[in-house]
Protein backbone atom coordinates (compact mmCIF):
# COMPACT_ATOMS: atom_id res chain seq x y z
CA SER A 1 -2.08 -22.54 7.22
CA ASN A 2 -1.17 -19.81 4.80
CA SER A 3 -3.54 -17.13 5.38
CA LEU A 4 -2.72 -13.49 5.55
CA LYS A 5 -4.22 -13.36 8.71
CA ASP A 6 -2.07 -15.82 10.30
CA PHE A 7 1.06 -14.55 8.56
CA GLU A 8 0.63 -11.13 9.80
CA LYS A 9 -0.22 -12.32 13.45
CA LYS A 10 2.66 -14.70 13.65
CA VAL A 11 5.22 -11.95 12.30
CA THR A 12 3.88 -9.01 14.73
CA ASP A 13 3.90 -11.47 17.94
CA PHE A 14 7.63 -12.28 16.75
CA LEU A 15 8.53 -8.73 16.49
CA HIS A 16 7.08 -7.56 19.66
CA GLU A 17 8.20 -10.68 21.34
CA GLU A 18 11.90 -9.80 19.74
CA LYS A 19 12.03 -13.27 18.99
CA PRO A 20 14.11 -14.13 15.51
CA PHE A 21 12.29 -15.64 12.49
CA LEU A 22 12.63 -16.40 9.15
CA PHE A 23 9.98 -15.21 6.32
CA ILE A 24 9.80 -16.54 2.92
CA ILE A 25 7.29 -15.18 0.28
CA ASP A 26 6.89 -16.33 -3.16
CA PHE A 27 6.69 -14.19 -6.20
CA ASN A 28 3.05 -13.87 -6.76
CA LYS A 29 2.45 -13.47 -2.88
CA SER A 30 0.09 -16.38 -2.97
CA LYS A 31 2.73 -18.10 -0.14
CA LYS A 32 3.66 -16.46 2.97
CA LEU A 33 5.81 -18.47 5.30
CA VAL A 34 7.12 -17.80 8.84
CA TYR A 35 9.28 -19.86 11.18
CA SER A 36 11.28 -19.50 14.25
CA PHE A 37 14.64 -20.52 13.58
CA GLU A 38 13.79 -23.92 15.42
CA GLU A 39 10.61 -24.35 13.47
CA ALA A 40 12.61 -24.00 10.09
CA ALA A 41 14.99 -26.51 11.11
CA GLU A 42 12.37 -29.16 11.97
CA GLN A 43 10.99 -28.68 8.36
CA ASN A 44 14.15 -28.89 6.89
CA ILE A 45 14.54 -25.32 5.98
CA TYR A 46 18.03 -24.09 6.54
CA PHE A 47 19.26 -20.58 6.05
CA ASN A 48 22.01 -18.15 6.43
CA ILE A 49 21.96 -14.32 6.21
CA LYS A 50 25.60 -12.86 6.67
CA GLY A 51 26.13 -15.48 9.56
CA LYS A 52 22.68 -15.57 11.14
CA GLY A 53 20.98 -18.59 10.31
CA ASN A 54 20.25 -22.20 11.52
CA ASP A 55 22.32 -24.02 9.72
CA ASN A 56 25.29 -24.75 11.96
CA HIS A 57 24.57 -28.23 12.14
CA LEU A 58 23.92 -28.83 8.98
CA ASP A 59 26.11 -31.71 8.00
CA SER A 60 29.69 -30.72 9.27
CA ARG A 61 31.81 -32.91 7.36
CA ILE A 62 34.86 -31.44 5.28
CA LEU A 63 33.56 -30.73 1.73
CA ASP A 64 36.07 -31.55 -1.15
CA ASP A 65 37.01 -28.30 -2.77
CA SER A 66 36.02 -29.49 -6.24
CA LEU A 67 33.84 -27.10 -8.19
CA ILE A 68 30.06 -28.02 -8.79
CA ASN A 69 29.62 -28.57 -12.49
CA LEU A 70 25.93 -28.01 -13.22
CA HIS A 71 26.07 -29.13 -17.10
CA PRO A 72 23.22 -27.01 -18.11
CA GLU A 73 20.84 -27.70 -20.98
CA PRO A 74 19.41 -24.16 -21.94
CA ILE A 75 16.29 -23.73 -23.63
CA SER A 76 16.82 -23.04 -27.45
CA LYS A 77 17.24 -19.45 -28.67
CA GLU A 78 14.24 -19.80 -30.75
CA ILE A 79 12.22 -20.40 -27.66
CA TYR A 80 13.70 -17.45 -25.91
CA GLN A 81 13.30 -15.24 -29.34
CA LYS A 82 9.49 -15.78 -29.25
CA ALA A 83 9.40 -14.36 -25.65
CA PHE A 84 11.88 -11.36 -26.37
CA ASP A 85 10.10 -10.52 -29.38
CA THR A 86 6.81 -10.31 -27.73
CA VAL A 87 8.32 -8.00 -24.76
CA LYS A 88 9.88 -6.08 -27.29
CA LYS A 89 6.51 -5.32 -28.56
CA GLU A 90 5.43 -4.44 -25.32
CA LEU A 91 8.08 -2.05 -24.68
CA ASN A 92 7.24 -0.44 -28.08
CA THR A 93 3.67 -0.03 -27.41
CA GLY A 94 4.66 1.76 -23.98
CA ASN A 95 2.75 -1.06 -21.93
CA SER A 96 6.19 -1.49 -19.93
CA PHE A 97 9.66 0.34 -20.20
CA LEU A 98 11.57 -2.70 -18.23
CA LEU A 99 10.72 -6.11 -17.95
CA ASN A 100 12.61 -8.98 -16.34
CA LEU A 101 12.40 -11.94 -18.27
CA THR A 102 13.67 -15.43 -16.92
CA PHE A 103 13.51 -18.83 -17.89
CA PRO A 104 14.42 -22.41 -16.53
CA THR A 105 17.44 -24.32 -17.58
CA THR A 106 17.70 -27.95 -17.00
CA LEU A 107 21.01 -29.13 -15.23
CA ASN A 108 22.52 -32.41 -15.54
CA THR A 109 24.47 -32.39 -12.42
CA THR A 110 25.25 -35.17 -9.65
CA ALA A 111 25.42 -32.60 -6.90
CA ASN A 112 22.33 -32.32 -4.79
CA LEU A 113 20.33 -29.40 -3.46
CA LYS A 114 22.22 -29.98 0.17
CA GLU A 115 25.71 -30.01 -1.60
CA ILE A 116 25.04 -26.99 -3.47
CA TYR A 117 23.54 -25.10 -0.46
CA ARG A 118 26.83 -26.25 1.48
CA LYS A 119 29.26 -25.13 -1.40
CA ALA A 120 27.67 -22.03 -2.20
CA SER A 121 29.31 -18.87 -1.05
CA ALA A 122 26.72 -15.86 -0.92
CA PRO A 123 25.50 -13.37 1.74
CA TYR A 124 21.96 -14.88 1.51
CA LYS A 125 21.47 -18.76 1.51
CA LEU A 126 18.33 -20.65 1.55
CA LEU A 127 17.75 -24.29 1.36
CA TYR A 128 13.96 -25.07 1.32
CA LYS A 129 13.53 -28.81 1.80
CA ASP A 130 14.08 -30.97 -0.98
CA LYS A 131 12.63 -28.40 -3.10
CA PHE A 132 14.91 -25.68 -3.88
CA VAL A 133 18.25 -23.78 -2.82
CA LEU A 134 19.47 -20.38 -3.39
CA PHE A 135 22.33 -18.16 -2.83
CA SER A 136 21.47 -14.66 -3.67
CA PRO A 137 23.81 -11.39 -3.70
CA GLU A 138 20.93 -9.24 -3.99
CA CYS A 139 19.68 -7.42 -0.62
CA TYR A 140 16.22 -6.49 -0.81
CA LEU A 141 15.40 -4.55 2.29
CA ILE A 142 17.01 -3.91 5.65
CA ILE A 143 15.19 -2.35 8.77
CA LYS A 144 17.60 -0.97 11.25
CA ASN A 145 16.57 2.01 14.24
CA ASP A 146 13.31 2.55 12.27
CA ALA A 147 15.34 3.21 9.16
CA ILE A 148 14.77 1.31 6.04
CA PHE A 149 17.41 0.71 3.38
CA SER A 150 16.94 -1.00 -0.12
CA TYR A 151 20.05 -1.78 -2.31
CA PRO A 152 18.98 -2.41 -5.87
CA MET A 153 21.44 -4.43 -8.12
CA LYS A 154 21.38 -3.79 -12.08
CA GLY A 155 24.17 -4.18 -14.18
CA THR A 156 26.75 -6.67 -14.52
CA ILE A 157 30.48 -7.37 -16.35
CA ASN A 158 32.80 -9.82 -16.07
CA SER A 159 35.96 -8.29 -14.72
CA ALA A 160 38.40 -9.67 -16.80
CA ILE A 161 37.37 -7.77 -19.50
CA PRO A 162 39.59 -4.80 -20.29
CA ASN A 163 38.28 -1.56 -18.70
CA ALA A 164 35.34 -3.37 -17.36
CA LYS A 165 34.54 -0.85 -14.68
CA GLU A 166 34.38 2.25 -17.43
CA LEU A 167 32.67 -0.02 -19.81
CA LEU A 168 29.94 -0.99 -17.23
CA LEU A 169 29.34 2.39 -15.90
CA SER A 170 29.07 4.17 -19.39
CA ASN A 171 26.86 1.44 -20.85
CA LYS A 172 23.70 3.29 -21.96
CA LYS A 173 21.56 0.13 -21.43
CA GLU A 174 22.85 -0.56 -18.01
CA GLN A 175 22.36 3.19 -16.96
CA TYR A 176 18.83 3.43 -18.20
CA GLU A 177 18.04 0.11 -16.58
CA HIS A 178 19.54 1.09 -13.35
CA ASN A 179 18.03 4.49 -13.21
CA THR A 180 14.52 2.94 -13.76
CA ILE A 181 15.07 0.30 -11.13
CA VAL A 182 16.15 3.11 -8.57
CA ASP A 183 13.10 5.22 -9.41
CA LEU A 184 10.92 2.28 -8.92
CA ILE A 185 12.43 1.43 -5.48
CA ARG A 186 12.03 4.77 -4.40
CA ASN A 187 8.36 4.83 -5.30
CA ASP A 188 7.96 1.33 -3.74
CA LEU A 189 9.42 2.70 -0.34
CA SER A 190 7.42 5.85 -0.70
CA ILE A 191 4.52 3.62 0.06
CA ILE A 192 5.42 2.74 3.15
CA ALA A 193 8.14 5.27 4.54
CA LYS A 194 8.97 9.11 4.65
CA LYS A 195 11.72 11.10 3.44
CA VAL A 196 13.15 8.57 1.04
CA LYS A 197 16.20 9.41 -0.63
CA VAL A 198 19.23 7.97 -2.88
CA ASN A 199 22.40 7.74 -0.44
CA LYS A 200 24.57 6.30 -2.90
CA PHE A 201 24.01 6.11 -6.74
CA ARG A 202 25.53 3.51 -8.98
CA TYR A 203 28.45 2.12 -6.95
CA ILE A 204 30.37 -1.01 -7.99
CA GLU A 205 30.58 -4.12 -6.12
CA LYS A 206 32.55 -7.22 -6.80
CA ILE A 207 30.97 -10.65 -6.84
CA LYS A 208 32.54 -14.13 -6.99
CA LYS A 209 31.60 -16.53 -9.85
CA GLY A 210 33.53 -19.71 -9.66
CA ASN A 211 37.21 -18.59 -10.43
CA GLN A 212 35.96 -15.31 -11.95
CA GLU A 213 34.94 -12.04 -10.72
CA LEU A 214 31.90 -10.04 -11.89
CA LEU A 215 31.40 -6.37 -11.38
CA GLN A 216 28.09 -5.21 -10.46
CA THR A 217 26.42 -1.61 -10.01
CA SER A 218 24.17 -0.96 -7.08
CA SER A 219 22.61 1.92 -5.20
CA GLU A 220 21.44 2.64 -1.46
CA ILE A 221 18.03 4.05 -0.97
CA GLN A 222 16.95 5.06 2.62
CA GLY A 223 13.56 6.04 4.36
CA GLU A 224 12.03 6.67 7.55
CA LEU A 225 9.51 4.10 8.70
CA PRO A 226 6.56 4.91 11.25
CA LYS A 227 7.70 4.67 14.80
CA ASN A 228 5.14 1.58 15.09
CA TRP A 229 6.25 -0.15 11.97
CA LYS A 230 6.36 -3.54 14.22
CA ASP A 231 2.50 -3.54 14.28
CA ASN A 232 1.95 -3.53 10.44
CA PHE A 233 5.31 -4.73 9.42
CA ALA A 234 3.83 -7.87 7.60
CA ASN A 235 1.29 -5.73 5.69
CA LEU A 236 3.71 -3.03 4.92
CA LEU A 237 6.29 -5.40 3.20
CA LEU A 238 3.57 -7.11 1.08
CA LYS A 239 2.80 -3.53 -0.42
CA THR A 240 6.31 -3.28 -1.86
CA LEU A 241 6.07 -6.79 -3.64
CA PRO A 242 6.99 -8.24 -5.91
CA ALA A 243 10.47 -6.54 -5.77
CA GLY A 244 10.71 -3.91 -8.67
CA SER A 245 14.39 -5.40 -9.76
CA ILE A 246 13.03 -8.65 -10.83
CA SER A 247 9.53 -7.55 -12.23
CA GLY A 248 9.94 -4.21 -14.09
CA ALA A 249 7.96 -1.20 -14.32
CA PRO A 250 5.26 -0.21 -14.34
CA LYS A 251 4.92 -2.97 -12.13
CA LYS A 252 1.21 -4.21 -12.26
CA LYS A 253 1.19 -4.05 -16.23
CA THR A 254 4.48 -5.74 -16.43
CA ILE A 255 3.72 -8.73 -14.40
CA ASP A 256 0.92 -9.32 -16.49
CA ILE A 257 3.21 -9.59 -19.76
CA ILE A 258 5.43 -11.76 -17.50
CA GLU A 259 3.11 -14.22 -16.59
CA HIS A 260 1.80 -14.27 -20.38
CA VAL A 261 5.50 -14.74 -22.08
CA GLU A 262 7.28 -16.86 -19.54
CA ILE A 263 6.99 -20.59 -19.72
CA MET A 264 7.17 -21.81 -16.32
CA PRO A 265 5.32 -20.04 -13.15
CA ARG A 266 8.10 -18.55 -10.91
CA GLY A 267 6.92 -19.87 -7.70
CA PHE A 268 9.62 -18.85 -4.92
CA TYR A 269 11.88 -17.85 -7.59
CA THR A 270 11.94 -13.94 -7.47
CA GLY A 271 10.17 -13.93 -4.21
CA ILE A 272 11.94 -12.69 -1.13
CA PHE A 273 13.32 -14.24 2.24
CA GLY A 274 14.59 -12.84 5.23
CA VAL A 275 15.32 -12.85 8.78
CA PHE A 276 14.76 -10.71 12.01
CA ASP A 277 17.48 -11.53 14.10
CA GLY A 278 15.90 -9.88 17.44
CA THR A 279 16.75 -6.05 16.67
CA GLN A 280 16.93 -5.84 12.72
CA ILE A 281 15.42 -6.79 9.32
CA ASP A 282 17.77 -8.10 6.85
CA SER A 283 16.23 -10.02 3.51
CA ALA A 284 17.00 -10.76 0.08
CA VAL A 285 15.59 -11.11 -3.62
CA SER A 286 15.20 -14.91 -4.37
CA ILE A 287 17.73 -15.18 -7.13
CA ARG A 288 20.50 -17.71 -8.22
CA TYR A 289 17.74 -20.19 -7.62
CA ILE A 290 17.82 -23.89 -8.33
CA GLU A 291 14.65 -25.86 -8.13
CA GLN A 292 13.84 -29.53 -8.15
CA ILE A 293 10.93 -30.49 -10.25
CA ASP A 294 10.14 -34.24 -10.70
CA GLY A 295 13.61 -35.25 -9.71
CA GLN A 296 15.06 -32.72 -12.10
CA LEU A 297 17.22 -29.93 -11.33
CA HIS A 298 16.23 -26.43 -12.96
CA TYR A 299 18.44 -23.11 -12.60
CA LYS A 300 16.01 -20.03 -13.21
CA SER A 301 17.76 -17.01 -14.35
CA GLY A 302 17.04 -13.90 -16.50
CA GLY A 303 17.44 -10.19 -16.78
CA GLY A 304 16.19 -6.97 -17.61
CA ILE A 305 14.70 -6.18 -21.10
CA THR A 306 14.39 -2.63 -21.98
CA HIS A 307 13.95 -0.81 -25.73
CA LEU A 308 17.77 -0.81 -26.10
CA SER A 309 18.08 -4.84 -25.28
CA LYS A 310 19.66 -6.94 -28.15
CA LEU A 311 18.49 -10.64 -28.50
CA ASP A 312 21.91 -11.99 -28.33
CA GLU A 313 23.22 -10.22 -25.59
CA GLU A 314 20.25 -11.02 -23.28
CA TYR A 315 20.18 -14.53 -24.40
CA GLN A 316 23.80 -14.57 -23.43
CA GLU A 317 23.21 -12.71 -19.92
CA LEU A 318 20.42 -15.48 -18.98
CA LEU A 319 23.25 -18.09 -19.75
CA GLU A 320 26.08 -16.27 -17.74
CA LYS A 321 23.95 -16.22 -14.48
CA ILE A 322 23.94 -20.07 -14.48
CA TYR A 323 26.66 -20.56 -11.81
CA VAL A 324 27.24 -21.54 -8.20
CA PRO A 325 29.66 -19.05 -6.34
CA THR A 326 31.95 -21.27 -4.49
CA ILE A 327 34.25 -20.20 -1.84
């Protein structure tokens, strides 16, 4: 069953028993799933979060080291532009000041979801039945020793570009977007935690992209949870959703615009998933996401739109994000 009550009860029981579990929540919070590691495997749900998971027996044959060719067939720039223009209008009217716009891209690939899962290299990986696979670089929340941490990522550049680091750090649009997200996440954490502070602001991380490398800016935000957070974790978590980095700000109004302009419901894409390992919680934003719809694979991707965004650059970013990071 998918009722909030069942979800809350199961999560609370697992936390108090210190029993490891997996949780998955979709973008609009209509599906809230929780499984012990064994239950997940029985349902063909496999995951790995920084080495913690249930995928160790998932087909241990040696993989060939060929890259996965996705052969994407993206939506036309005209379709993208129609949505982009609407979003820009909403931004100019002040209904939103940051909106994450996403689209599905058809893939003509011989790879299947399981093969993609096995070959993908990422800190957060999830294979959900024969429905979708994701390999996310983006942490959502970590909880350890009654403290809560969030690591919003905003701003990417290819490291091969000369002076990539300086360009990324000085880019006005990226600065604005990053500041907005840090502010939004600080706000979201303040709903459920005290003493919320930014520990590290806009530091650079490296991410593999096939045989290339991307630089990405992140920040670390921390807060203190109430001592009895385990009694109420499911509820606290839901209060923070959907994640700010993949919706926008102000959140409620921005989500209304997203539902109006995007051509396909997001489903589990841009929701979250995470594990409790018996002592701490680690979770990710469900991005870098491939879904099987009527036997056809679709890669869902997007980026943040602000008043400084330019059509060509944003369309390009949507395409740049269509890749499987392999070892």
